[in-house]
């Protein structure tokens, strides 16, 4: 029976174009990131050191606003929609309700960022940040709506609109940003504001592209189910929590690690920059490349779970993890072995001392290239299984471990910023193994079904595939979780 189940799962794997969906989104992400990377080189020259500093300092508050309005929404919504489709519903009613809900949340994020702009610029000791925040604040609203629309298409297994919107977003930001910054090149602060305004413009452009595609979707006259904003929000909340913990911990790192380093060196900011902007950025590349696989995993696993096929969902999850590690583990080994030439190629302007420090950090942090990619994939698997709360709890434990190790290790001048790399490695390892445990473990309902099937088989009665579950009095479990 297990062999039959495995072959059926393999046929489903081929039939729904899982790998094709992952490849489309990964390719789009690579192109978008390539455009973004090329854009940053001339932008830095136009903004200068001061303008670039303002540009970077404005982003933390923006990321916090996004955390509470859109982070994790594509994964959460694609899982909900995949369940709707598996149950025979077309899903546009769900999408419309979600768009209204996250329009409100996005608007609240925009208003909150604008309201906090003066306070944040005062805390950061830079009054020129106020117009930077005001230029970036309107982007929170379209990003929230973009998240829902991307989740809609991903839930249907159509990754092309997400890929196109990511490329368009980066292209508009690059073109408009360079044009606006060139017009203000004699005013570094004004150029930073102009470049951040281009970010807002690019998000509206991506939203327009997705909205036109969504409006052109055929309306299928099938059974619909009423969804309330509160039901959608609380369904998405665990996913949003899981997705936001790591970015928020990075914000905490920028305070904790720098303060600890400042106790014994006057190069705290530079050392932290080498770790976060150098070693951590390189370690995160495999995860970024696997983003398409992560996005495709959520609706694929959710479809299995909606049909009551927990074993198939776990099989799909473990296959996704195997594909992720097949790519990420060689990348981690490559970072360790070729750290020195990579640093020379990517960071030629570093001093000899800083380059040696970065080489050591890259080698030390290379293990995270594999574990971080694995964590993101497993988190997507748990989301598809409806266990996003488990992913959130795993990450919460992992972040606490990281913070504790940072206080212990970074305080030691012998380890210095290397302690932050060790703490990050431990964080991702803890999250990886906890997520893996929750992924392979059967749910309580599955265990009860298996127990009853074994009991009935032991009594001399076979339970054919597709027959009603004996634990439910011979009735079947519908795709929406109800009992038929």
Protein backbone atom coordinates (compact mmCIF):
# COMPACT_ATOMS: atom_id res chain seq x y z
CA UNK A 1 0.00 0.00 0.00
CA UNK A 2 2.88 2.37 0.81
CA UNK A 3 4.36 1.72 -2.61
CA UNK A 4 1.07 2.65 -4.25
CA UNK A 5 0.83 5.77 -2.20
CA UNK A 6 4.36 6.77 -3.15
CA UNK A 7 3.72 6.25 -6.85
CA UNK A 8 0.50 8.24 -6.61
CA UNK A 9 2.41 11.07 -4.91
CA UNK A 10 5.04 10.95 -7.65
CA UNK A 11 2.36 11.23 -10.35
CA UNK A 12 0.86 14.22 -8.54
CA UNK A 13 4.32 15.73 -8.30
CA UNK A 14 4.75 15.56 -12.08
CA UNK A 15 1.18 16.43 -12.98
CA UNK A 16 0.85 19.74 -11.18
CA UNK A 17 4.08 21.19 -12.59
CA UNK A 18 5.64 21.71 -9.15
CA UNK A 19 9.21 21.94 -10.39
CA UNK A 20 8.19 24.17 -13.29
CA UNK A 21 6.44 26.56 -10.90
CA UNK A 22 9.49 26.66 -8.64
CA UNK A 23 11.82 27.25 -11.59
CA UNK A 24 9.69 30.12 -12.96
CA UNK A 25 9.63 31.98 -9.66
CA UNK A 26 13.30 31.32 -8.91
CA UNK A 27 14.31 32.62 -12.34
CA UNK A 28 12.20 35.72 -11.85
CA UNK A 29 13.74 36.27 -8.43
CA UNK A 30 17.26 35.89 -9.82
CA UNK A 31 16.61 38.43 -12.58
CA UNK A 32 15.03 40.85 -10.11
CA UNK A 33 17.94 40.51 -7.67
CA UNK A 34 20.42 40.94 -10.51
CA UNK A 35 18.75 44.18 -11.58
CA UNK A 36 18.71 45.37 -7.97
CA UNK A 37 22.38 44.56 -7.45
CA UNK A 38 23.43 46.39 -10.62
CA UNK A 39 21.26 49.36 -9.65
CA UNK A 40 22.96 49.79 -6.26
CA UNK A 41 26.39 50.41 -7.82
CA UNK A 42 25.59 53.66 -9.72
CA UNK A 43 23.09 54.70 -7.03
CA UNK A 44 25.81 54.64 -4.38
CA UNK A 45 27.97 56.86 -6.57
CA UNK A 46 25.14 59.36 -7.07
CA UNK A 47 24.15 59.47 -3.40
CA UNK A 48 27.63 59.54 -1.92
CA UNK A 49 28.41 58.32 1.60
CA UNK A 50 25.97 60.63 3.37
CA UNK A 51 23.07 60.03 0.98
CA UNK A 52 23.63 56.27 1.04
CA UNK A 53 23.62 56.37 4.83
CA UNK A 54 20.26 58.15 4.86
CA UNK A 55 18.87 55.69 2.31
CA UNK A 56 19.88 52.71 4.47
CA UNK A 57 18.79 54.25 7.78
CA UNK A 58 15.24 54.78 6.50
CA UNK A 59 14.67 51.08 5.80
CA UNK A 60 14.40 49.58 9.33
CA UNK A 61 11.15 51.43 10.14
CA UNK A 62 9.82 50.52 6.69
CA UNK A 63 10.58 46.84 7.36
CA UNK A 64 8.84 47.00 10.72
CA UNK A 65 5.74 48.48 9.07
CA UNK A 66 5.81 45.72 6.45
CA UNK A 67 6.19 43.08 9.17
CA UNK A 68 2.79 43.95 10.60
CA UNK A 69 1.01 44.44 7.27
CA UNK A 70 2.36 42.02 4.69
CA UNK A 71 5.27 39.77 5.77
CA UNK A 72 4.28 36.14 5.30
CA UNK A 73 0.99 37.00 3.59
CA UNK A 74 1.80 35.35 0.20
CA UNK A 75 2.57 32.03 1.93
CA UNK A 76 -0.42 32.24 4.26
CA UNK A 77 -2.87 33.23 1.56
CA UNK A 78 -1.60 30.71 -0.99
CA UNK A 79 -2.24 27.97 1.59
CA UNK A 80 -5.80 29.18 2.20
CA UNK A 81 -6.51 29.44 -1.52
CA UNK A 82 -5.04 26.01 -2.29
CA UNK A 83 -7.47 24.56 0.26
CA UNK A 84 -10.37 26.39 -1.41
CA UNK A 85 -9.43 25.08 -4.84
CA UNK A 86 -8.97 21.52 -3.55
CA UNK A 87 -12.48 21.77 -2.05
CA UNK A 88 -13.91 22.76 -5.45
CA UNK A 89 -14.27 26.48 -4.78
CA UNK A 90 -12.94 29.11 -7.12
CA UNK A 91 -11.48 31.35 -4.41
CA UNK A 92 -12.25 34.87 -5.66
CA UNK A 93 -14.59 35.55 -2.74
CA UNK A 94 -11.72 34.75 -0.37
CA UNK A 95 -9.38 36.96 -2.38
CA UNK A 96 -11.74 39.92 -2.40
CA UNK A 97 -12.18 39.78 1.36
CA UNK A 98 -8.42 39.49 1.85
CA UNK A 99 -7.75 42.48 -0.41
CA UNK A 100 -10.12 44.64 1.64
CA UNK A 101 -8.57 43.46 4.91
CA UNK A 102 -4.96 44.07 3.91
CA UNK A 103 -5.81 47.37 2.25
CA UNK A 104 -6.86 48.54 5.72
CA UNK A 105 -3.74 47.06 7.35
CA UNK A 106 -1.50 48.57 4.67
CA UNK A 107 -3.09 51.98 5.09
CA UNK A 108 -2.61 51.74 8.84
CA UNK A 109 1.07 50.86 8.24
CA UNK A 110 1.48 53.85 5.95
CA UNK A 111 -0.10 56.22 8.47
CA UNK A 112 1.88 54.76 11.37
CA UNK A 113 5.18 55.15 9.51
CA UNK A 114 4.37 58.75 8.62
CA UNK A 115 3.33 59.49 12.20
CA UNK A 116 6.52 57.99 13.64
CA UNK A 117 8.82 59.64 11.10
CA UNK A 118 9.65 62.65 13.27
CA UNK A 119 10.22 60.56 16.39
CA UNK A 120 12.46 58.05 14.60
CA UNK A 121 14.57 60.73 12.92
CA UNK A 122 15.06 62.37 16.35
CA UNK A 123 16.11 59.05 17.93
CA UNK A 124 18.57 58.46 15.11
CA UNK A 125 19.91 61.98 15.49
CA UNK A 126 19.39 62.92 11.84
CA UNK A 127 16.68 65.44 10.94
CA UNK A 128 17.23 64.82 7.21
CA UNK A 129 15.59 61.41 7.69
CA UNK A 130 12.13 62.94 8.15
CA UNK A 131 11.46 63.54 4.41
CA UNK A 132 13.05 60.14 3.66
CA UNK A 133 10.47 58.41 5.85
CA UNK A 134 7.64 60.42 4.33
CA UNK A 135 8.77 59.48 0.81
CA UNK A 136 8.85 55.78 1.69
CA UNK A 137 5.74 55.55 3.89
CA UNK A 138 3.16 55.36 1.02
CA UNK A 139 4.84 52.16 -0.24
CA UNK A 140 3.47 50.15 2.70
CA UNK A 141 -0.07 50.19 1.27
CA UNK A 142 0.69 48.75 -2.21
CA UNK A 143 3.08 46.18 -0.71
CA UNK A 144 0.25 44.81 1.46
CA UNK A 145 -2.03 44.43 -1.59
CA UNK A 146 0.80 42.97 -3.68
CA UNK A 147 1.28 40.30 -1.01
CA UNK A 148 -2.36 39.17 -1.31
CA UNK A 149 -2.33 39.10 -5.11
CA UNK A 150 0.93 37.16 -5.20
CA UNK A 151 -0.56 34.72 -2.73
CA UNK A 152 -3.63 34.35 -4.97
CA UNK A 153 -1.60 33.37 -8.02
CA UNK A 154 0.79 31.18 -6.03
CA UNK A 155 -2.16 29.39 -4.47
CA UNK A 156 -3.35 28.52 -7.98
CA UNK A 157 0.12 27.25 -8.86
CA UNK A 158 0.70 30.14 -11.30
CA UNK A 159 4.07 31.67 -10.43
CA UNK A 160 4.52 33.74 -13.59
CA UNK A 161 2.60 36.85 -12.35
CA UNK A 162 4.71 36.96 -9.18
CA UNK A 163 7.93 36.61 -11.18
CA UNK A 164 6.89 39.32 -13.66
CA UNK A 165 5.86 41.70 -10.89
CA UNK A 166 9.19 41.22 -9.08
CA UNK A 167 11.13 42.02 -12.26
CA UNK A 168 8.91 45.03 -13.04
CA UNK A 169 9.26 46.29 -9.48
CA UNK A 170 13.06 46.25 -9.65
CA UNK A 171 13.18 47.67 -13.17
CA UNK A 172 10.97 50.66 -12.28
CA UNK A 173 12.90 51.26 -9.06
CA UNK A 174 16.23 51.20 -10.92
CA UNK A 175 15.17 53.46 -13.79
CA UNK A 176 13.22 55.95 -11.71
CA UNK A 177 15.76 55.89 -8.87
CA UNK A 178 18.70 56.70 -11.12
CA UNK A 179 16.73 59.39 -12.95
CA UNK A 180 15.48 61.05 -9.75
CA UNK A 181 18.87 60.82 -8.00
CA UNK A 182 20.62 62.30 -11.06
CA UNK A 183 18.30 65.30 -10.99
CA UNK A 184 19.24 65.85 -7.31
CA UNK A 185 22.91 64.88 -7.55
CA UNK A 186 24.09 68.18 -6.01
CA UNK A 187 21.95 67.58 -2.91
CA UNK A 188 22.79 64.20 -1.25
CA UNK A 189 19.86 64.38 1.17
CA UNK A 190 17.46 65.32 -1.61
CA UNK A 191 18.85 62.55 -3.81
CA UNK A 192 18.19 60.02 -1.02
CA UNK A 193 14.60 61.23 -0.71
CA UNK A 194 14.17 61.00 -4.49
CA UNK A 195 15.57 57.45 -4.60
CA UNK A 196 13.22 56.37 -1.81
CA UNK A 197 10.34 57.97 -3.70
CA UNK A 198 11.29 55.69 -6.61
CA UNK A 199 10.82 52.71 -4.27
CA UNK A 200 7.25 53.82 -3.61
CA UNK A 201 6.65 54.32 -7.34
CA UNK A 202 7.98 50.83 -8.11
CA UNK A 203 5.56 49.22 -5.63
CA UNK A 204 2.58 50.97 -7.22
CA UNK A 205 3.81 49.82 -10.65
CA UNK A 206 4.01 46.19 -9.46
CA UNK A 207 0.54 46.48 -7.91
CA UNK A 208 -0.90 47.80 -11.18
CA UNK A 209 0.63 44.92 -13.12
CA UNK A 210 -0.77 42.30 -10.73
CA UNK A 211 -4.19 44.00 -10.51
CA UNK A 212 -4.61 44.02 -14.29
CA UNK A 213 -3.71 40.34 -14.40
CA UNK A 214 -6.12 39.56 -11.56
CA UNK A 215 -8.98 41.48 -13.20
CA UNK A 216 -8.45 39.43 -16.36
CA UNK A 217 -8.91 36.13 -14.54
CA UNK A 218 -11.93 34.12 -15.75
CA UNK A 219 -14.77 33.95 -13.26
CA UNK A 220 -15.74 30.34 -12.73
CA UNK A 221 -19.34 29.85 -11.45
CA UNK A 222 -18.66 27.35 -8.65
CA UNK A 223 -19.64 26.98 -5.01
CA UNK A 224 -18.26 29.72 -2.83
CA UNK A 225 -17.83 29.96 0.90
CA UNK A 226 -18.19 33.13 2.93
CA UNK A 227 -14.99 34.34 4.57
CA UNK A 228 -14.80 37.12 7.13
CA UNK A 229 -11.80 39.44 7.48
CA UNK A 230 -11.22 38.17 11.02
CA UNK A 231 -11.11 34.52 9.90
CA UNK A 232 -8.58 35.36 7.18
CA UNK A 233 -6.48 37.47 9.53
CA UNK A 234 -6.29 34.86 12.27
CA UNK A 235 -5.55 32.15 9.70
CA UNK A 236 -2.66 34.24 8.39
CA UNK A 237 -1.44 35.42 11.81
CA UNK A 238 0.76 32.38 12.64
CA UNK A 239 2.43 32.60 9.22
CA UNK A 240 3.00 36.33 9.63
CA UNK A 241 4.45 35.71 13.10
CA UNK A 242 6.81 33.01 11.82
CA UNK A 243 7.93 35.17 8.87
CA UNK A 244 8.48 38.31 10.97
CA UNK A 245 10.53 36.87 13.82
CA UNK A 246 13.79 36.60 11.90
CA UNK A 247 13.69 40.12 10.37
CA UNK A 248 12.84 41.57 13.77
CA UNK A 249 15.73 39.63 15.33
CA UNK A 250 18.07 41.15 12.75
CA UNK A 251 16.94 44.59 13.89
CA UNK A 252 17.72 43.56 17.47
CA UNK A 253 21.13 42.26 16.34
CA UNK A 254 22.03 45.66 14.93
CA UNK A 255 21.64 47.07 18.44
CA UNK A 256 22.90 44.20 20.62
CA UNK A 257 25.98 43.19 18.61
CA UNK A 258 27.13 46.77 18.02
CA UNK A 259 26.75 47.68 21.71
CA UNK A 260 28.66 44.58 22.80
CA UNK A 261 31.46 45.25 20.32
CA UNK A 262 31.62 48.89 21.41
CA UNK A 263 32.80 47.79 24.86
CA UNK A 264 36.27 46.96 23.57
CA UNK A 265 36.66 48.41 20.05
CA UNK A 266 35.93 51.65 18.25
CA UNK A 267 35.25 49.73 15.01
CA UNK A 268 31.98 48.19 16.18
CA UNK A 269 29.88 49.54 13.32
CA UNK A 270 32.42 48.51 10.70
CA UNK A 271 32.76 44.99 12.13
CA UNK A 272 29.00 44.56 12.26
CA UNK A 273 28.80 45.81 8.68
CA UNK A 274 31.30 43.16 7.58
CA UNK A 275 29.17 40.48 9.22
CA UNK A 276 25.67 41.62 8.22
CA UNK A 277 26.42 43.20 4.85
CA UNK A 278 29.13 40.73 3.86
CA UNK A 279 29.12 37.26 5.43
CA UNK A 280 25.38 37.10 6.18
CA UNK A 281 24.50 38.45 2.75
CA UNK A 282 26.59 35.76 1.04
CA UNK A 283 25.18 33.03 3.29
CA UNK A 284 21.67 34.15 2.37
CA UNK A 285 22.13 33.79 -1.39
CA UNK A 286 21.21 30.06 -1.62
CA UNK A 287 18.04 30.80 0.33
CA UNK A 288 17.18 33.60 -2.09
CA UNK A 289 17.72 31.33 -5.09
CA UNK A 290 15.44 28.70 -3.50
CA UNK A 291 12.63 31.23 -2.97
CA UNK A 292 10.71 29.87 -5.95
CA UNK A 293 10.78 26.37 -4.50
CA UNK A 294 9.59 27.74 -1.16
CA UNK A 295 6.67 29.60 -2.75
CA UNK A 296 5.64 26.57 -4.83
CA UNK A 297 5.80 24.25 -1.82
CA UNK A 298 3.05 25.98 0.18
CA UNK A 299 0.08 25.40 -2.17
CA UNK A 300 1.41 21.98 -3.22
CA UNK A 301 1.54 20.70 0.37
CA UNK A 302 -1.73 22.47 1.26
CA UNK A 303 -3.54 20.71 -1.59
CA UNK A 304 -2.52 17.32 -0.19
CA UNK A 305 -3.60 18.28 3.32
CA UNK A 306 -6.95 19.60 2.05
CA UNK A 307 -7.62 16.19 0.51
CA UNK A 308 -6.81 14.52 3.82
CA UNK A 309 -3.59 13.07 2.39
CA UNK A 310 -1.20 13.80 5.24
CA UNK A 311 1.32 11.21 4.04
CA UNK A 312 1.37 12.80 0.59
CA UNK A 313 1.85 16.23 2.15
CA UNK A 314 4.84 15.02 4.16
CA UNK A 315 6.27 13.29 1.09
CA UNK A 316 6.02 16.51 -0.89
CA UNK A 317 7.57 18.46 2.01
CA UNK A 318 10.55 16.13 2.32
CA UNK A 319 11.06 16.16 -1.45
CA UNK A 320 11.16 19.97 -1.37
CA UNK A 321 13.65 19.87 1.48
CA UNK A 322 15.84 17.37 -0.41
CA UNK A 323 15.86 19.62 -3.49
CA UNK A 324 16.74 22.64 -1.34
CA UNK A 325 19.64 20.89 0.37
CA UNK A 326 20.82 19.42 -2.94
CA UNK A 327 21.46 23.00 -4.04
CA UNK A 328 22.33 24.69 -0.74
CA UNK A 329 24.85 22.21 0.72
CA UNK A 330 27.29 22.50 -2.24
CA UNK A 331 26.87 26.29 -2.03
CA UNK A 332 27.81 26.19 1.67
CA UNK A 333 30.87 24.08 0.86
CA UNK A 334 31.79 26.48 -1.95
CA UNK A 335 31.59 29.49 0.38
CA UNK A 336 33.91 27.79 2.84
CA UNK A 337 36.44 26.67 0.24
CA UNK A 338 36.40 29.78 -1.95
CA UNK A 339 35.81 32.50 0.64
CA UNK A 340 39.01 34.34 -0.16
CA UNK A 341 38.56 34.70 -3.96
CA UNK A 342 34.87 35.53 -3.43
CA UNK A 343 35.74 38.38 -1.06
CA UNK A 344 38.42 39.71 -3.41
CA UNK A 345 36.00 39.64 -6.33
CA UNK A 346 32.95 41.13 -4.58
CA UNK A 347 34.62 43.52 -2.12
CA UNK A 348 37.82 44.77 -3.81
CA UNK A 349 37.78 48.10 -1.97
CA UNK A 350 38.19 46.57 1.50
CA UNK A 351 41.44 47.08 3.36
CA UNK A 352 43.65 44.03 3.82
CA UNK A 353 42.67 43.72 7.49
CA UNK A 354 38.94 44.00 6.79
CA UNK A 355 39.21 41.56 3.90
CA UNK A 356 40.86 38.98 6.18
CA UNK A 357 38.15 39.51 8.79
CA UNK A 358 35.44 39.02 6.18
CA UNK A 359 37.09 35.84 4.84
CA UNK A 360 37.05 34.41 8.37
CA UNK A 361 33.41 35.42 8.87
CA UNK A 362 32.34 33.91 5.53
CA UNK A 363 34.00 30.59 6.37
CA UNK A 364 32.56 30.58 9.87
CA UNK A 365 29.08 31.50 8.67
CA UNK A 366 29.05 29.24 5.58
CA UNK A 367 27.12 26.48 7.38
CA UNK A 368 24.14 28.84 7.53
CA UNK A 369 23.96 28.89 3.73
CA UNK A 370 22.50 25.37 3.97
CA UNK A 371 20.54 25.59 7.21
CA UNK A 372 18.86 28.93 6.47
CA UNK A 373 17.66 27.64 3.08
CA UNK A 374 16.39 24.51 4.83
CA UNK A 375 14.60 26.53 7.50
CA UNK A 376 12.78 28.62 4.89
CA UNK A 377 11.67 25.51 2.98
CA UNK A 378 10.53 23.68 6.12
CA UNK A 379 8.67 26.78 7.31
CA UNK A 380 6.83 26.79 3.96
CA UNK A 381 6.05 23.08 4.39
CA UNK A 382 4.62 23.68 7.87
CA UNK A 383 2.56 26.56 6.50
CA UNK A 384 1.11 24.29 3.83
CA UNK A 385 0.30 21.71 6.49
CA UNK A 386 -1.54 24.29 8.56
CA UNK A 387 1.19 24.18 11.23
CA UNK A 388 2.60 27.69 10.83
CA UNK A 389 2.33 28.14 14.59
CA UNK A 390 4.93 25.38 14.97
CA UNK A 391 7.27 27.24 12.63
CA UNK A 392 6.76 30.40 14.68
CA UNK A 393 7.50 28.62 17.97
CA UNK A 394 10.61 27.00 16.46
CA UNK A 395 11.93 30.33 15.28
CA UNK A 396 11.12 31.98 18.62
CA UNK A 397 13.21 29.35 20.44
CA UNK A 398 16.00 29.71 17.87
CA UNK A 399 16.08 33.51 18.18
CA UNK A 400 16.29 33.27 21.98
CA UNK A 401 19.23 30.88 21.61
CA UNK A 402 20.91 33.32 19.23
CA UNK A 403 20.47 36.32 21.51
CA UNK A 404 21.80 34.38 24.51
CA UNK A 405 24.87 33.25 22.57
CA UNK A 406 25.46 36.77 21.27
CA UNK A 407 25.67 38.12 24.82
CA UNK A 408 27.99 35.26 25.78
CA UNK A 409 30.27 35.12 22.74
CA UNK A 410 30.43 38.63 21.28
CA UNK A 411 31.41 39.95 24.73
CA UNK A 412 34.68 37.97 24.38
CA UNK A 413 37.27 40.11 22.53
CA UNK A 414 38.98 36.91 21.34
CA UNK A 415 35.86 35.96 19.35
CA UNK A 416 34.61 39.48 18.66
CA UNK A 417 32.14 39.63 15.75
CA UNK A 418 32.84 35.97 15.02
CA UNK A 419 30.62 35.27 18.02
CA UNK A 420 27.69 36.73 16.07
CA UNK A 421 28.34 34.27 13.23
CA UNK A 422 28.46 31.35 15.68
CA UNK A 423 25.22 32.53 17.31
CA UNK A 424 23.51 32.81 13.91
CA UNK A 425 24.68 29.30 12.96
CA UNK A 426 23.20 27.94 16.19
CA UNK A 427 19.95 29.82 15.55
CA UNK A 428 19.39 28.27 12.13
CA UNK A 429 20.44 24.79 13.29
CA UNK A 430 17.93 24.86 16.15
CA UNK A 431 15.14 26.13 13.89
CA UNK A 432 16.02 23.55 11.21
CA UNK A 433 15.81 20.50 13.44
CA UNK A 434 12.68 21.70 15.27
CA UNK A 435 10.93 22.40 11.96
CA UNK A 436 12.04 19.02 10.59
CA UNK A 437 10.61 17.28 13.66
CA UNK A 438 7.25 19.03 13.30
CA UNK A 439 7.19 18.30 9.55
CA UNK A 440 7.67 14.54 9.78
CA UNK A 441 5.52 14.05 12.88
CA UNK A 442 1.99 12.91 12.23
CA UNK A 443 -0.91 14.95 13.55
CA UNK A 444 -3.11 13.55 16.30
CA UNK A 445 -5.96 13.01 13.82
CA UNK A 446 -3.71 11.05 11.46
CA UNK A 447 -2.53 8.82 14.29
CA UNK A 448 -6.13 8.12 15.30
CA UNK A 449 -7.08 7.21 11.72
CA UNK A 450 -4.10 4.88 11.36
CA UNK A 451 -4.94 3.24 14.67
CA UNK A 452 -8.55 2.61 13.65
CA UNK A 453 -7.54 1.31 10.21
CA UNK A 454 -5.11 -1.15 11.79
CA UNK A 455 -7.78 -2.24 14.28
CA UNK A 456 -10.34 -2.87 11.53
CA UNK A 457 -7.78 -4.64 9.34
CA UNK A 458 -6.82 -6.82 12.28
CA UNK A 459 -10.46 -7.83 12.65
CA UNK A 460 -10.38 -9.24 9.11
CA UNK A 461 -11.91 -6.30 7.25
CA UNK A 462 -9.82 -4.43 4.73
CA UNK A 463 -10.28 -0.71 4.36
CA UNK A 464 -10.01 0.14 0.66
CA UNK A 465 -8.54 3.43 -0.43
CA UNK A 466 -11.18 6.14 -0.53
CA UNK A 467 -13.57 4.36 1.88
CA UNK A 468 -15.01 6.32 4.76
CA UNK A 469 -12.89 6.49 7.89
CA UNK A 470 -14.11 3.93 10.49
CA UNK A 471 -13.34 6.38 13.27
CA UNK A 472 -16.04 8.60 11.78
CA UNK A 473 -18.68 5.92 11.55
CA UNK A 474 -17.89 5.08 7.93
CA UNK A 475 -18.21 8.65 6.73
CA UNK A 476 -15.52 10.40 4.75
CA UNK A 477 -13.57 13.54 5.47
CA UNK A 478 -14.30 16.24 2.94
CA UNK A 479 -11.55 18.32 1.42
CA UNK A 480 -12.56 21.28 3.55
CA UNK A 481 -12.10 19.29 6.75
CA UNK A 482 -15.78 18.53 7.29
CA UNK A 483 -17.30 15.07 7.67
CA UNK A 484 -19.41 13.76 4.78
